[in-house]
Amino acid sequence: MPSYLQWLRFSWLPGLLLILPLAQHLPWLDLASLNNVQLPFLLLVTALLLSLFYRSSRVGLAALLLMFFYGTISLEILLKQDFSLYLGLIALNLMLFSCSRDRSIWSNFGVAWLLILGAQGIALFWLQKYYGPLAQMFSLQHLPAWLLALDRFSPPLPLLACMVASLGALALLALYPGPTAVGLFSCILLTLYGVWSGMPLVPLMSVAGFLLIFSLLGSSYELAFRDELTGVRSRRAFRYRMLTPGRHYSIAMIDIDYFKKLNDRFGHQVGDQVLRMVATQIARNSSGELFRYGGRSLC
């Protein structure tokens, strides 16, 4: 499948959700339900529970991070004046989550990240307790003298952090596309929009919760209907497709000759590469739908 179609497959639904903050200015669209203060907790807890079920540490850590900031700001444990600074910190953490692979949140990796996030929260609380709001302390005006050239381009530090995180997550998404990567990248873009526009806390966290949930649903769909090795649709997808084949259709079964001998001689890793290459060539030169029926068979 061409790379641009993969991007479209992964990103059309998060893209629609990201339009919601922009669409709030339309007079005929009522988004008042997103201002329910309980909705972000409900969505983020749902994303966390689903991440535990699917063993998606990246989404689970993202949900915990957003729940922590939403809870501490709502309870006024952290100062609301530094909200944009929190969004910049959230964006950087989400970018770092994108660098990892999914595993159990209770693994050594997950526990280490939980400790890091806890340390960040304690550090923020301690700094605000002794120094007050941090927005002025962490600003580009406090850069060293040899960096004064940045005065020509001096966005607030939270906006700069979100921009850097967006570029980093975009590069990772180009290398390793997938629903979870798209979901995290979409959340980073949401933080960027939140810093730039001053979007209120409650709707911002609600949309972020939706993005995380839909990234997990997208991952589950890929596992159920997409062959992981070749990237084409699986036998289960073929079976469902044949429930409504239409009035005119044709089926071609393609089998790779001497595939067992190739595996025996060169190893299964080379056999996997051959399967991927054959599937890629067929998908590139065919206008129909391609499925992996099983083993070395494609249809």
Protein backbone atom coordinates (compact mmCIF):
# COMPACT_ATOMS: atom_id res chain seq x y z
CA MET A 1 0.00 0.00 0.00
CA PRO A 2 1.40 3.45 -0.87
CA SER A 3 2.62 5.45 2.12
CA TYR A 4 0.12 8.26 1.58
CA LEU A 5 -2.75 5.75 1.80
CA GLN A 6 -1.34 4.43 5.06
CA TRP A 7 -1.31 7.96 6.45
CA LEU A 8 -4.88 8.49 5.28
CA ARG A 9 -5.99 5.18 6.81
CA PHE A 10 -4.49 6.04 10.17
CA SER A 11 -5.23 9.75 10.34
CA TRP A 12 -8.68 10.51 8.91
CA LEU A 13 -10.53 10.02 12.21
CA PRO A 14 -8.01 11.88 14.44
CA GLY A 15 -8.08 14.62 11.80
CA LEU A 16 -11.83 14.98 12.18
CA LEU A 17 -11.49 15.18 15.96
CA LEU A 18 -8.80 17.84 15.68
CA ILE A 19 -11.22 19.96 13.64
CA LEU A 20 -13.59 20.12 16.64
CA PRO A 21 -11.65 22.86 18.47
CA LEU A 22 -11.65 24.93 15.28
CA ALA A 23 -15.33 24.22 14.62
CA GLN A 24 -16.39 25.57 18.03
CA HIS A 25 -16.65 29.03 16.47
CA LEU A 26 -19.37 27.91 14.04
CA PRO A 27 -22.77 29.23 15.19
CA TRP A 28 -24.70 26.10 14.16
CA LEU A 29 -22.40 23.64 16.00
CA ASP A 30 -23.01 23.24 19.75
CA LEU A 31 -20.04 21.75 21.62
CA ALA A 32 -21.29 22.64 25.08
CA SER A 33 -21.16 18.97 26.12
CA LEU A 34 -17.36 19.06 25.86
CA ASN A 35 -17.33 21.57 28.74
CA ASN A 36 -18.59 18.97 31.22
CA VAL A 37 -15.88 18.84 33.89
CA GLN A 38 -16.44 15.10 34.43
CA LEU A 39 -16.06 14.18 30.75
CA PRO A 40 -12.23 14.35 30.59
CA PHE A 41 -11.91 12.01 33.59
CA LEU A 42 -14.38 9.57 32.04
CA LEU A 43 -12.58 9.55 28.67
CA LEU A 44 -9.07 9.39 30.08
CA VAL A 45 -9.95 6.59 32.53
CA THR A 46 -11.53 4.68 29.62
CA ALA A 47 -8.35 5.17 27.57
CA LEU A 48 -6.24 3.97 30.52
CA LEU A 49 -8.32 0.83 31.06
CA LEU A 50 -8.27 0.00 27.35
CA SER A 51 -4.50 0.52 27.26
CA LEU A 52 -4.09 -2.00 30.09
CA PHE A 53 -6.23 -4.50 28.16
CA TYR A 54 -4.27 -3.99 24.93
CA ARG A 55 -0.89 -3.65 26.71
CA SER A 56 -0.31 -0.26 25.12
CA SER A 57 2.11 1.49 27.45
CA ARG A 58 2.31 4.59 25.26
CA VAL A 59 -1.42 5.32 25.42
CA GLY A 60 -1.58 4.34 29.09
CA LEU A 61 1.23 6.70 30.04
CA ALA A 62 -0.32 9.48 27.94
CA ALA A 63 -3.69 8.98 29.67
CA LEU A 64 -2.05 9.01 33.12
CA LEU A 65 -0.08 12.15 32.24
CA LEU A 66 -3.18 14.03 31.08
CA MET A 67 -5.22 12.81 34.07
CA PHE A 68 -2.51 14.00 36.45
CA PHE A 69 -2.38 17.52 35.03
CA TYR A 70 -6.13 17.80 34.69
CA GLY A 71 -6.68 16.64 38.27
CA THR A 72 -3.99 18.81 39.83
CA ILE A 73 -5.10 21.92 37.94
CA SER A 74 -8.78 21.28 38.74
CA LEU A 75 -7.95 20.84 42.44
CA GLU A 76 -5.64 23.90 42.29
CA ILE A 77 -2.64 21.89 43.44
CA LEU A 78 -0.75 23.34 40.48
CA LEU A 79 -1.21 26.97 39.47
CA LYS A 80 -3.55 27.70 36.56
CA GLN A 81 -1.34 30.63 35.53
CA ASP A 82 1.23 28.12 34.21
CA PHE A 83 -1.26 26.16 32.12
CA SER A 84 0.51 26.87 28.83
CA LEU A 85 3.80 25.74 30.39
CA TYR A 86 2.16 22.45 31.39
CA LEU A 87 1.00 21.94 27.81
CA GLY A 88 4.56 22.37 26.55
CA LEU A 89 5.79 19.81 29.09
CA ILE A 90 2.97 17.42 28.12
CA ALA A 91 3.90 17.75 24.44
CA LEU A 92 7.56 16.88 25.12
CA ASN A 93 6.57 13.85 27.18
CA LEU A 94 4.18 12.64 24.47
CA MET A 95 6.96 12.92 21.91
CA LEU A 96 9.22 10.79 24.13
CA PHE A 97 6.42 8.21 24.49
CA SER A 98 6.32 8.02 20.69
CA CYS A 99 9.98 6.95 20.65
CA SER A 100 9.23 3.72 22.51
CA ARG A 101 7.47 0.48 21.69
CA ASP A 102 4.27 -0.72 23.29
CA ARG A 103 4.54 -3.10 26.21
CA SER A 104 2.84 -3.61 29.57
CA ILE A 105 2.61 -0.46 31.64
CA TRP A 106 3.76 -2.56 34.63
CA SER A 107 7.01 -3.54 32.90
CA ASN A 108 10.33 -2.06 34.00
CA PHE A 109 9.96 0.51 31.21
CA GLY A 110 6.48 1.52 32.37
CA VAL A 111 7.44 1.74 36.03
CA ALA A 112 10.49 3.85 35.15
CA TRP A 113 8.29 6.27 33.22
CA LEU A 114 5.80 6.45 36.08
CA LEU A 115 8.65 7.44 38.40
CA ILE A 116 9.84 10.08 35.89
CA LEU A 117 6.35 11.55 35.59
CA GLY A 118 5.99 11.58 39.38
CA ALA A 119 9.33 13.37 39.70
CA GLN A 120 8.19 16.00 37.18
CA GLY A 121 5.01 16.62 39.15
CA ILE A 122 6.91 16.95 42.44
CA ALA A 123 9.42 19.31 40.84
CA LEU A 124 6.67 21.54 39.46
CA PHE A 125 4.88 21.64 42.82
CA TRP A 126 8.12 22.47 44.67
CA LEU A 127 9.13 25.21 42.22
CA GLN A 128 5.71 26.84 42.35
CA LYS A 129 5.62 26.66 46.14
CA TYR A 130 8.91 28.52 46.54
CA TYR A 131 9.02 30.68 43.39
CA GLY A 132 5.37 31.21 42.44
CA PRO A 133 4.18 31.13 38.80
CA LEU A 134 6.87 29.81 36.48
CA ALA A 135 5.72 31.40 33.20
CA GLN A 136 8.07 34.38 33.62
CA MET A 137 10.96 32.30 34.95
CA PHE A 138 10.99 29.95 31.95
CA SER A 139 10.85 32.43 29.10
CA LEU A 140 13.09 33.08 26.13
CA GLN A 141 14.10 36.43 27.61
CA HIS A 142 16.30 34.52 30.08
CA LEU A 143 18.41 32.90 27.38
CA PRO A 144 22.22 33.45 27.48
CA ALA A 145 23.61 36.47 25.70
CA TRP A 146 25.04 34.40 22.82
CA LEU A 147 21.49 33.34 21.96
CA LEU A 148 20.13 36.86 21.66
CA ALA A 149 19.77 36.29 17.92
CA LEU A 150 16.55 34.50 18.82
CA ASP A 151 15.01 37.83 19.70
CA ARG A 152 13.89 38.12 16.08
CA PHE A 153 11.88 34.96 16.58
CA SER A 154 10.84 34.82 20.20
CA PRO A 155 7.69 32.75 20.69
CA PRO A 156 6.77 31.83 24.24
CA LEU A 157 8.69 28.84 25.54
CA PRO A 158 5.57 26.59 25.79
CA LEU A 159 4.76 27.28 22.13
CA LEU A 160 8.36 26.55 21.16
CA ALA A 161 8.30 23.28 23.14
CA CYS A 162 5.08 22.21 21.40
CA MET A 163 6.55 23.04 17.99
CA VAL A 164 9.69 21.00 18.68
CA ALA A 165 7.60 18.10 19.99
CA SER A 166 5.35 18.26 16.91
CA LEU A 167 8.31 18.09 14.54
CA GLY A 168 9.87 15.21 16.48
CA ALA A 169 6.62 13.24 16.59
CA LEU A 170 6.04 13.89 12.88
CA ALA A 171 9.47 12.45 12.05
CA LEU A 172 8.76 9.36 14.15
CA LEU A 173 5.36 8.99 12.51
CA ALA A 174 6.95 9.08 9.06
CA LEU A 175 9.34 6.30 10.09
CA TYR A 176 6.89 4.14 12.04
CA PRO A 177 3.29 4.89 10.98
CA GLY A 178 0.47 3.41 13.01
CA PRO A 179 -2.72 4.32 14.89
CA THR A 180 -0.95 4.86 18.23
CA ALA A 181 1.71 7.09 16.68
CA VAL A 182 -1.01 9.11 14.92
CA GLY A 183 -2.96 9.41 18.19
CA LEU A 184 0.04 10.74 20.11
CA PHE A 185 0.96 13.10 17.28
CA SER A 186 -2.62 14.38 17.21
CA CYS A 187 -2.50 15.03 20.96
CA ILE A 188 0.72 17.01 20.49
CA LEU A 189 -0.92 19.09 17.76
CA LEU A 190 -3.81 19.65 20.15
CA THR A 191 -1.45 20.99 22.82
CA LEU A 192 0.11 23.25 20.20
CA TYR A 193 -3.32 24.61 19.33
CA GLY A 194 -4.13 24.98 23.03
CA VAL A 195 -1.03 27.09 23.67
CA TRP A 196 -1.55 29.17 20.54
CA SER A 197 -5.27 29.85 20.99
CA GLY A 198 -5.70 29.65 24.76
CA MET A 199 -8.22 26.83 24.46
CA PRO A 200 -9.91 26.12 27.83
CA LEU A 201 -8.75 23.15 29.88
CA VAL A 202 -11.92 21.02 29.90
CA PRO A 203 -12.64 20.78 26.13
CA LEU A 204 -8.94 20.37 25.39
CA MET A 205 -8.67 17.36 27.72
CA SER A 206 -11.95 15.95 26.39
CA VAL A 207 -10.70 15.98 22.81
CA ALA A 208 -7.38 14.47 23.95
CA GLY A 209 -9.29 11.64 25.63
CA PHE A 210 -11.22 10.97 22.43
CA LEU A 211 -7.97 10.91 20.44
CA LEU A 212 -6.38 8.32 22.76
CA ILE A 213 -9.47 6.09 22.73
CA PHE A 214 -9.74 6.16 18.95
CA SER A 215 -6.04 5.39 18.59
CA LEU A 216 -6.59 2.21 20.61
CA LEU A 217 -9.67 1.32 18.58
CA GLY A 218 -7.64 1.83 15.42
CA SER A 219 -4.90 -0.43 16.77
CA SER A 220 -7.43 -3.15 17.61
CA TYR A 221 -8.89 -2.92 14.09
CA GLU A 222 -5.42 -3.26 12.57
CA LEU A 223 -4.73 -6.34 14.70
CA ALA A 224 -8.03 -7.94 13.71
CA PHE A 225 -8.15 -7.17 9.98
CA ARG A 226 -4.58 -6.43 8.88
CA ASP A 227 -1.77 -8.94 8.37
CA GLU A 228 1.17 -7.70 10.43
CA LEU A 229 3.87 -9.22 8.22
CA THR A 230 2.81 -8.03 4.77
CA GLY A 231 0.63 -5.05 5.68
CA VAL A 232 -2.27 -6.26 3.51
CA ARG A 233 -5.66 -7.28 4.81
CA SER A 234 -5.96 -10.61 6.58
CA ARG A 235 -8.00 -13.77 6.05
CA ARG A 236 -10.62 -12.52 8.53
CA ALA A 237 -11.04 -9.35 6.45
CA PHE A 238 -11.44 -11.52 3.32
CA ARG A 239 -14.15 -13.58 5.00
CA TYR A 240 -16.12 -10.47 5.99
CA ARG A 241 -15.61 -8.96 2.53
CA MET A 242 -17.11 -12.05 0.90
CA LEU A 243 -20.32 -11.60 2.89
CA THR A 244 -21.23 -8.77 0.49
CA PRO A 245 -19.16 -9.36 -2.66
CA GLY A 246 -21.47 -7.51 -5.03
CA ARG A 247 -23.01 -8.75 -8.29
CA HIS A 248 -19.79 -8.89 -10.34
CA TYR A 249 -16.46 -9.96 -8.91
CA SER A 250 -13.56 -12.28 -9.57
CA ILE A 251 -11.03 -13.92 -7.25
CA ALA A 252 -7.43 -14.81 -8.10
CA MET A 253 -5.47 -17.03 -5.71
CA ILE A 254 -1.70 -16.51 -5.89
CA ASP A 255 0.73 -19.00 -4.39
CA ILE A 256 4.53 -18.63 -4.20
CA ASP A 257 6.23 -21.67 -5.69
CA TYR A 258 9.09 -23.39 -3.89
CA PHE A 259 8.55 -21.21 -0.84
CA LYS A 260 9.31 -24.04 1.60
CA LYS A 261 12.64 -24.72 -0.11
CA LEU A 262 13.49 -21.04 0.11
CA ASN A 263 12.72 -21.02 3.85
CA ASP A 264 14.75 -24.18 4.42
CA ARG A 265 17.75 -22.86 2.52
CA PHE A 266 17.85 -19.19 3.51
CA GLY A 267 15.82 -19.09 6.73
CA HIS A 268 12.41 -17.75 7.69
CA GLN A 269 13.58 -14.14 7.88
CA VAL A 270 14.40 -14.18 4.17
CA GLY A 271 11.05 -15.91 3.56
CA ASP A 272 9.30 -13.06 5.37
CA GLN A 273 11.09 -10.53 3.18
CA VAL A 274 9.97 -12.41 0.07
CA LEU A 275 6.35 -12.39 1.26
CA ARG A 276 6.49 -8.64 1.92
CA MET A 277 8.07 -7.99 -1.47
CA VAL A 278 5.49 -10.07 -3.35
CA ALA A 279 2.59 -8.43 -1.48
CA THR A 280 4.03 -4.96 -2.16
CA GLN A 281 4.45 -5.63 -5.88
CA ILE A 282 0.94 -7.05 -6.25
CA ALA A 283 -0.63 -4.14 -4.33
CA ARG A 284 1.34 -1.63 -6.40
CA ASN A 285 0.34 -3.13 -9.76
CA SER A 286 -3.22 -4.16 -9.01
CA SER A 287 -6.42 -2.16 -8.86
CA GLY A 288 -8.31 -4.73 -6.79
CA GLU A 289 -8.31 -5.62 -3.12
CA LEU A 290 -5.47 -7.75 -1.79
CA PHE A 291 -5.70 -10.18 1.13
CA ARG A 292 -3.29 -12.63 2.68
CA TYR A 293 -5.28 -15.83 2.81
CA GLY A 294 -2.72 -17.79 4.80
CA GLY A 295 0.89 -18.91 4.73
CA ARG A 296 2.26 -18.15 1.26
CA SER A 297 -1.14 -17.57 -0.38
CA LEU A 298 -2.48 -14.16 -1.46
CA CYS A 299 -5.82 -13.37 -3.09
